[in-house]
Amino acid sequence: MNKISKEKRNHIIVVLVLTLGAIAGLWFGLISYQKTKLNEVSKKIDEKQKQIDKIQKVVLDANQVAAELKTSAEKVNDIESGMASGDLFSFMVSTLKKFNTPSYKVEMPQFGPPSETETVMFPNYPYKQATIAVGGRAYYYDFGKFLADLENHFPYSRVQNLVLEPGSSTGTPEEREKLTFRMEVVTLVKPNAP
């Protein structure tokens, strides 16, 4: 009973070899091909998900950028509200006189006519600049404090061509201690200002 004929044994071996060949053929022909395709599809899905995540991040960042842009525009409008506009001479003289409180003890009786030019520091800059010559007298300490506070208070203005000379040799000793100064105050002019 345990003995199988040689012919049956050969048939069983052939059937086993054909079965194994068919299974191997199915594995390499269909299953491994499908696994490769699944891996490619999975990679494409991951790439598309990364793109979607980037787009969602851009959308979220767009809201933040819009809020920052609005805040920056408000800051620019606040700064521009203090800029020179209209009659430049009266604006600059009144601004300097309002700023020159009695605590500074700076005498500024001389104001020259303002000149308006393109801003030379930066090309294609949207603001023009106005320059006015100012002359007067003050004690060294008071004038230094006035200049520092003036440039710190007005971020869109600067002092240039400053000339300091000793006070006159005549007069009271107090008057002789005062310095005579000449300077140019340059300020930005609001665009589209009349």
C-alpha atoms as a PDB file:
ATOM      1  CA  MET A   1       0.000   0.000   0.000  1.00  0.00           C
ATOM      2  CA  ASN A   2       2.826   2.334   0.680  1.00  0.00           C
ATOM      3  CA  LYS A   3       4.403   1.679  -2.595  1.00  0.00           C
ATOM      4  CA  ILE A   4       3.510   3.930  -5.476  1.00  0.00           C
ATOM      5  CA  SER A   5       4.323   2.866  -8.944  1.00  0.00           C
ATOM      6  CA  LYS A   6       7.062   4.590 -10.793  1.00  0.00           C
ATOM      7  CA  GLU A   7       4.678   5.997 -13.321  1.00  0.00           C
ATOM      8  CA  LYS A   8       2.371   7.512 -10.678  1.00  0.00           C
ATOM      9  CA  ARG A   9       5.353   8.916  -8.853  1.00  0.00           C
ATOM     10  CA  ASN A  10       6.533  10.638 -12.063  1.00  0.00           C
ATOM     11  CA  HIS A  11       3.008  11.997 -12.630  1.00  0.00           C
ATOM     12  CA  ILE A  12       2.891  13.373  -9.078  1.00  0.00           C
ATOM     13  CA  ILE A  13       6.311  14.982  -9.509  1.00  0.00           C
ATOM     14  CA  VAL A  14       5.253  16.531 -12.835  1.00  0.00           C
ATOM     15  CA  VAL A  15       2.001  17.785 -11.264  1.00  0.00           C
ATOM     16  CA  LEU A  16       3.953  19.216  -8.314  1.00  0.00           C
ATOM     17  CA  VAL A  17       6.478  20.913 -10.619  1.00  0.00           C
ATOM     18  CA  LEU A  18       3.690  22.324 -12.810  1.00  0.00           C
ATOM     19  CA  THR A  19       1.776  23.500  -9.706  1.00  0.00           C
ATOM     20  CA  LEU A  20       4.884  25.145  -8.282  1.00  0.00           C
ATOM     21  CA  GLY A  21       5.620  26.693 -11.675  1.00  0.00           C
ATOM     22  CA  ALA A  22       2.057  28.000 -11.927  1.00  0.00           C
ATOM     23  CA  ILE A  23       2.258  29.436  -8.385  1.00  0.00           C
ATOM     24  CA  ALA A  24       5.658  31.029  -9.140  1.00  0.00           C
ATOM     25  CA  GLY A  25       4.306  32.379 -12.420  1.00  0.00           C
ATOM     26  CA  LEU A  26       1.299  33.864 -10.654  1.00  0.00           C
ATOM     27  CA  TRP A  27       3.563  35.349  -7.945  1.00  0.00           C
ATOM     28  CA  PHE A  28       6.049  36.946 -10.313  1.00  0.00           C
ATOM     29  CA  GLY A  29       3.556  37.692 -13.063  1.00  0.00           C
ATOM     30  CA  LEU A  30       0.666  39.168 -11.086  1.00  0.00           C
ATOM     31  CA  ILE A  31       1.296  39.593  -7.377  1.00  0.00           C
ATOM     32  CA  SER A  32       4.795  41.165  -7.499  1.00  0.00           C
ATOM     33  CA  TYR A  33       3.662  43.425 -10.373  1.00  0.00           C
ATOM     34  CA  GLN A  34       0.658  44.498  -8.308  1.00  0.00           C
ATOM     35  CA  LYS A  35       2.894  45.105  -5.255  1.00  0.00           C
ATOM     36  CA  THR A  36       5.195  47.310  -7.352  1.00  0.00           C
ATOM     37  CA  LYS A  37       2.205  49.257  -8.661  1.00  0.00           C
ATOM     38  CA  LEU A  38       0.813  49.605  -5.130  1.00  0.00           C
ATOM     39  CA  ASN A  39       4.167  50.983  -3.921  1.00  0.00           C
ATOM     40  CA  GLU A  40       4.224  53.499  -6.801  1.00  0.00           C
ATOM     41  CA  VAL A  41       0.644  54.551  -6.078  1.00  0.00           C
ATOM     42  CA  SER A  42       1.489  54.860  -2.379  1.00  0.00           C
ATOM     43  CA  LYS A  43       4.467  57.110  -3.193  1.00  0.00           C
ATOM     44  CA  LYS A  44       2.290  59.272  -5.441  1.00  0.00           C
ATOM     45  CA  ILE A  45      -0.321  59.544  -2.691  1.00  0.00           C
ATOM     46  CA  ASP A  46       2.397  60.636  -0.226  1.00  0.00           C
ATOM     47  CA  GLU A  47       3.696  63.248  -2.692  1.00  0.00           C
ATOM     48  CA  LYS A  48       0.203  64.600  -3.311  1.00  0.00           C
ATOM     49  CA  GLN A  49      -0.460  64.705   0.442  1.00  0.00           C
ATOM     50  CA  LYS A  50       2.748  66.714   0.927  1.00  0.00           C
ATOM     51  CA  GLN A  51       1.619  69.125  -1.799  1.00  0.00           C
ATOM     52  CA  ILE A  52      -1.793  69.450  -0.157  1.00  0.00           C
ATOM     53  CA  ASP A  53      -0.118  70.115   3.216  1.00  0.00           C
ATOM     54  CA  LYS A  54       2.058  72.821   1.619  1.00  0.00           C
ATOM     55  CA  ILE A  55      -0.969  74.452   0.024  1.00  0.00           C
ATOM     56  CA  GLN A  56      -2.881  74.364   3.308  1.00  0.00           C
ATOM     57  CA  LYS A  57       0.123  75.932   5.066  1.00  0.00           C
ATOM     58  CA  VAL A  58       0.236  78.672   2.423  1.00  0.00           C
ATOM     59  CA  VAL A  59      -3.476  79.329   2.927  1.00  0.00           C
ATOM     60  CA  LEU A  60      -2.980  79.547   6.691  1.00  0.00           C
ATOM     61  CA  ASP A  61       0.079  81.756   6.229  1.00  0.00           C
ATOM     62  CA  ALA A  62      -1.846  83.957   3.791  1.00  0.00           C
ATOM     63  CA  ASN A  63      -4.219  84.967   6.576  1.00  0.00           C
ATOM     64  CA  GLN A  64      -1.269  85.796   8.827  1.00  0.00           C
ATOM     65  CA  VAL A  65       0.473  87.724   6.029  1.00  0.00           C
ATOM     66  CA  ALA A  66      -2.736  89.641   5.330  1.00  0.00           C
ATOM     67  CA  ALA A  67      -3.019  90.561   9.014  1.00  0.00           C
ATOM     68  CA  GLU A  68       0.639  91.649   9.110  1.00  0.00           C
ATOM     69  CA  LEU A  69       0.154  93.655   5.922  1.00  0.00           C
ATOM     70  CA  LYS A  70      -2.840  95.416   7.444  1.00  0.00           C
ATOM     71  CA  THR A  71      -0.852  96.216  10.609  1.00  0.00           C
ATOM     72  CA  SER A  72       2.089  97.485   8.555  1.00  0.00           C
ATOM     73  CA  ALA A  73      -0.195  99.631   6.399  1.00  0.00           C
ATOM     74  CA  GLU A  74      -1.689 101.171   9.546  1.00  0.00           C
ATOM     75  CA  LYS A  75       1.821 101.923  10.849  1.00  0.00           C
ATOM     76  CA  VAL A  76       2.789 103.554   7.544  1.00  0.00           C
ATOM     77  CA  ASN A  77      -0.403 105.646   7.614  1.00  0.00           C
ATOM     78  CA  ASP A  78       0.363 106.740  11.186  1.00  0.00           C
ATOM     79  CA  ILE A  79       3.893 107.745  10.221  1.00  0.00           C
ATOM     80  CA  GLU A  80       2.706 109.477   7.044  1.00  0.00           C
ATOM     81  CA  SER A  81       0.185 111.495   9.053  1.00  0.00           C
ATOM     82  CA  GLY A  82       3.121 113.275  10.709  1.00  0.00           C
ATOM     83  CA  MET A  83       5.028 113.860   7.471  1.00  0.00           C
ATOM     84  CA  ALA A  84       5.332 117.184   5.724  1.00  0.00           C
ATOM     85  CA  SER A  85       2.548 118.082   3.331  1.00  0.00           C
ATOM     86  CA  GLY A  86       0.931 121.153   1.848  1.00  0.00           C
ATOM     87  CA  ASP A  87       2.831 124.394   2.496  1.00  0.00           C
ATOM     88  CA  LEU A  88       6.253 122.993   3.354  1.00  0.00           C
ATOM     89  CA  PHE A  89       7.637 126.218   4.846  1.00  0.00           C
ATOM     90  CA  SER A  90       4.820 126.716   7.333  1.00  0.00           C
ATOM     91  CA  PHE A  91       4.672 123.000   8.132  1.00  0.00           C
ATOM     92  CA  MET A  92       8.394 122.699   8.868  1.00  0.00           C
ATOM     93  CA  VAL A  93       8.668 125.975  10.783  1.00  0.00           C
ATOM     94  CA  SER A  94       5.606 125.269  12.922  1.00  0.00           C
ATOM     95  CA  THR A  95       6.768 121.690  13.589  1.00  0.00           C
ATOM     96  CA  LEU A  96      10.228 122.851  14.699  1.00  0.00           C
ATOM     97  CA  LYS A  97       8.776 125.640  16.844  1.00  0.00           C
ATOM     98  CA  LYS A  98       6.279 123.285  18.517  1.00  0.00           C
ATOM     99  CA  PHE A  99       9.041 120.788  19.202  1.00  0.00           C
ATOM    100  CA  ASN A 100      11.413 123.466  20.533  1.00  0.00           C
ATOM    101  CA  THR A 101       9.868 123.745  23.979  1.00  0.00           C
ATOM    102  CA  PRO A 102      11.302 126.265  26.468  1.00  0.00           C
ATOM    103  CA  SER A 103      13.121 123.446  28.276  1.00  0.00           C
ATOM    104  CA  TYR A 104      15.622 123.213  25.384  1.00  0.00           C
ATOM    105  CA  LYS A 105      16.563 126.934  25.504  1.00  0.00           C
ATOM    106  CA  VAL A 106      17.379 126.937  21.782  1.00  0.00           C
ATOM    107  CA  GLU A 107      16.817 130.165  19.860  1.00  0.00           C
ATOM    108  CA  MET A 108      15.893 129.533  16.195  1.00  0.00           C
ATOM    109  CA  PRO A 109      15.028 132.882  14.610  1.00  0.00           C
ATOM    110  CA  GLN A 110      16.380 132.074  11.124  1.00  0.00           C
ATOM    111  CA  PHE A 111      14.555 129.833   8.676  1.00  0.00           C
ATOM    112  CA  GLY A 112      15.387 129.657   5.000  1.00  0.00           C
ATOM    113  CA  PRO A 113      12.978 128.727   2.224  1.00  0.00           C
ATOM    114  CA  PRO A 114      12.435 124.982   1.851  1.00  0.00           C
ATOM    115  CA  SER A 115      13.516 123.130  -1.245  1.00  0.00           C
ATOM    116  CA  GLU A 116      11.755 119.962  -2.383  1.00  0.00           C
ATOM    117  CA  THR A 117      13.739 117.337  -4.326  1.00  0.00           C
ATOM    118  CA  GLU A 118      13.678 113.655  -5.151  1.00  0.00           C
ATOM    119  CA  THR A 119      15.128 111.434  -2.435  1.00  0.00           C
ATOM    120  CA  VAL A 120      18.716 110.820  -3.441  1.00  0.00           C
ATOM    121  CA  MET A 121      19.478 108.172  -0.859  1.00  0.00           C
ATOM    122  CA  PHE A 122      17.261 105.477  -2.408  1.00  0.00           C
ATOM    123  CA  PRO A 123      16.366 105.155  -6.104  1.00  0.00           C
ATOM    124  CA  ASN A 124      12.658 104.852  -6.977  1.00  0.00           C
ATOM    125  CA  TYR A 125      11.695 105.852  -3.442  1.00  0.00           C
ATOM    126  CA  PRO A 126       8.019 106.899  -3.206  1.00  0.00           C
ATOM    127  CA  TYR A 127       8.754 109.933  -1.011  1.00  0.00           C
ATOM    128  CA  LYS A 128      10.310 113.267  -1.877  1.00  0.00           C
ATOM    129  CA  GLN A 129      12.442 115.181   0.572  1.00  0.00           C
ATOM    130  CA  ALA A 130      12.224 118.772   1.720  1.00  0.00           C
ATOM    131  CA  THR A 131      15.209 120.662   3.110  1.00  0.00           C
ATOM    132  CA  ILE A 132      15.050 123.838   5.175  1.00  0.00           C
ATOM    133  CA  ALA A 133      17.993 125.836   6.497  1.00  0.00           C
ATOM    134  CA  VAL A 134      17.801 126.783  10.174  1.00  0.00           C
ATOM    135  CA  GLY A 135      20.048 129.096  12.157  1.00  0.00           C
ATOM    136  CA  GLY A 136      20.167 130.189  15.752  1.00  0.00           C
ATOM    137  CA  ARG A 137      21.961 130.201  19.097  1.00  0.00           C
ATOM    138  CA  ALA A 138      22.046 127.885  22.109  1.00  0.00           C
ATOM    139  CA  TYR A 139      24.233 126.522  24.839  1.00  0.00           C
ATOM    140  CA  TYR A 140      26.204 123.439  23.839  1.00  0.00           C
ATOM    141  CA  TYR A 141      24.397 121.042  26.194  1.00  0.00           C
ATOM    142  CA  ASP A 142      20.924 122.367  25.349  1.00  0.00           C
ATOM    143  CA  PHE A 143      21.600 122.214  21.629  1.00  0.00           C
ATOM    144  CA  GLY A 144      22.949 118.641  21.846  1.00  0.00           C
ATOM    145  CA  LYS A 145      19.894 117.497  23.769  1.00  0.00           C
ATOM    146  CA  PHE A 146      17.629 119.281  21.280  1.00  0.00           C
ATOM    147  CA  LEU A 147      19.304 117.586  18.286  1.00  0.00           C
ATOM    148  CA  ALA A 148      19.197 114.113  19.829  1.00  0.00           C
ATOM    149  CA  ASP A 149      15.543 114.447  20.778  1.00  0.00           C
ATOM    150  CA  LEU A 150      14.642 115.955  17.386  1.00  0.00           C
ATOM    151  CA  GLU A 151      16.091 113.047  15.394  1.00  0.00           C
ATOM    152  CA  ASN A 152      14.658 110.463  17.785  1.00  0.00           C
ATOM    153  CA  HIS A 153      11.193 112.026  17.779  1.00  0.00           C
ATOM    154  CA  PHE A 154      10.914 112.357  13.979  1.00  0.00           C
ATOM    155  CA  PRO A 155      12.079 109.093  12.362  1.00  0.00           C
ATOM    156  CA  TYR A 156      11.552 110.528   8.874  1.00  0.00           C
ATOM    157  CA  SER A 157      13.756 113.602   9.450  1.00  0.00           C
ATOM    158  CA  ARG A 158      17.462 114.160   9.863  1.00  0.00           C
ATOM    159  CA  VAL A 159      19.906 117.005  10.408  1.00  0.00           C
ATOM    160  CA  GLN A 160      22.722 117.563   7.946  1.00  0.00           C
ATOM    161  CA  ASN A 161      25.395 120.158   7.197  1.00  0.00           C
ATOM    162  CA  LEU A 162      25.607 121.241  10.838  1.00  0.00           C
ATOM    163  CA  VAL A 163      27.995 124.143  11.494  1.00  0.00           C
ATOM    164  CA  LEU A 164      28.762 125.226  15.077  1.00  0.00           C
ATOM    165  CA  GLU A 165      30.637 128.406  15.822  1.00  0.00           C
ATOM    166  CA  PRO A 166      31.542 130.063  19.100  1.00  0.00           C
ATOM    167  CA  GLY A 167      29.339 132.894  20.311  1.00  0.00           C
ATOM    168  CA  SER A 168      30.192 136.531  19.763  1.00  0.00           C
ATOM    169  CA  SER A 169      33.083 138.038  21.671  1.00  0.00           C
ATOM    170  CA  THR A 170      30.929 140.976  22.754  1.00  0.00           C
ATOM    171  CA  GLY A 171      28.053 140.979  25.157  1.00  0.00           C
ATOM    172  CA  THR A 172      27.538 139.472  28.583  1.00  0.00           C
ATOM    173  CA  PRO A 173      29.610 136.481  29.676  1.00  0.00           C
ATOM    174  CA  GLU A 174      26.462 134.368  29.442  1.00  0.00           C
ATOM    175  CA  GLU A 175      25.907 135.419  25.817  1.00  0.00           C
ATOM    176  CA  ARG A 176      29.530 134.615  24.931  1.00  0.00           C
ATOM    177  CA  GLU A 177      29.052 131.001  26.073  1.00  0.00           C
ATOM    178  CA  LYS A 178      26.295 130.391  23.541  1.00  0.00           C
ATOM    179  CA  LEU A 179      27.104 128.698  20.250  1.00  0.00           C
ATOM    180  CA  THR A 180      25.859 129.916  16.910  1.00  0.00           C
ATOM    181  CA  PHE A 181      24.599 127.135  14.671  1.00  0.00           C
ATOM    182  CA  ARG A 182      23.478 126.616  11.119  1.00  0.00           C
ATOM    183  CA  MET A 183      21.994 123.351   9.923  1.00  0.00           C
ATOM    184  CA  GLU A 184      19.704 121.846   7.362  1.00  0.00           C
ATOM    185  CA  VAL A 185      16.706 119.807   8.462  1.00  0.00           C
ATOM    186  CA  VAL A 186      15.714 117.235   5.849  1.00  0.00           C
ATOM    187  CA  THR A 187      12.331 115.563   6.098  1.00  0.00           C
ATOM    188  CA  LEU A 188      10.319 113.226   3.913  1.00  0.00           C
ATOM    189  CA  VAL A 189       7.261 114.626   2.162  1.00  0.00           C
ATOM    190  CA  LYS A 190       4.042 112.639   2.080  1.00  0.00           C
ATOM    191  CA  PRO A 191       3.365 111.326  -1.441  1.00  0.00           C
ATOM    192  CA  ASN A 192       0.422 112.795  -3.325  1.00  0.00           C
ATOM    193  CA  ALA A 193       0.488 115.783  -1.012  1.00  0.00           C
ATOM    194  CA  PRO A 194      -0.684 119.058  -2.597  1.00  0.00           C
END
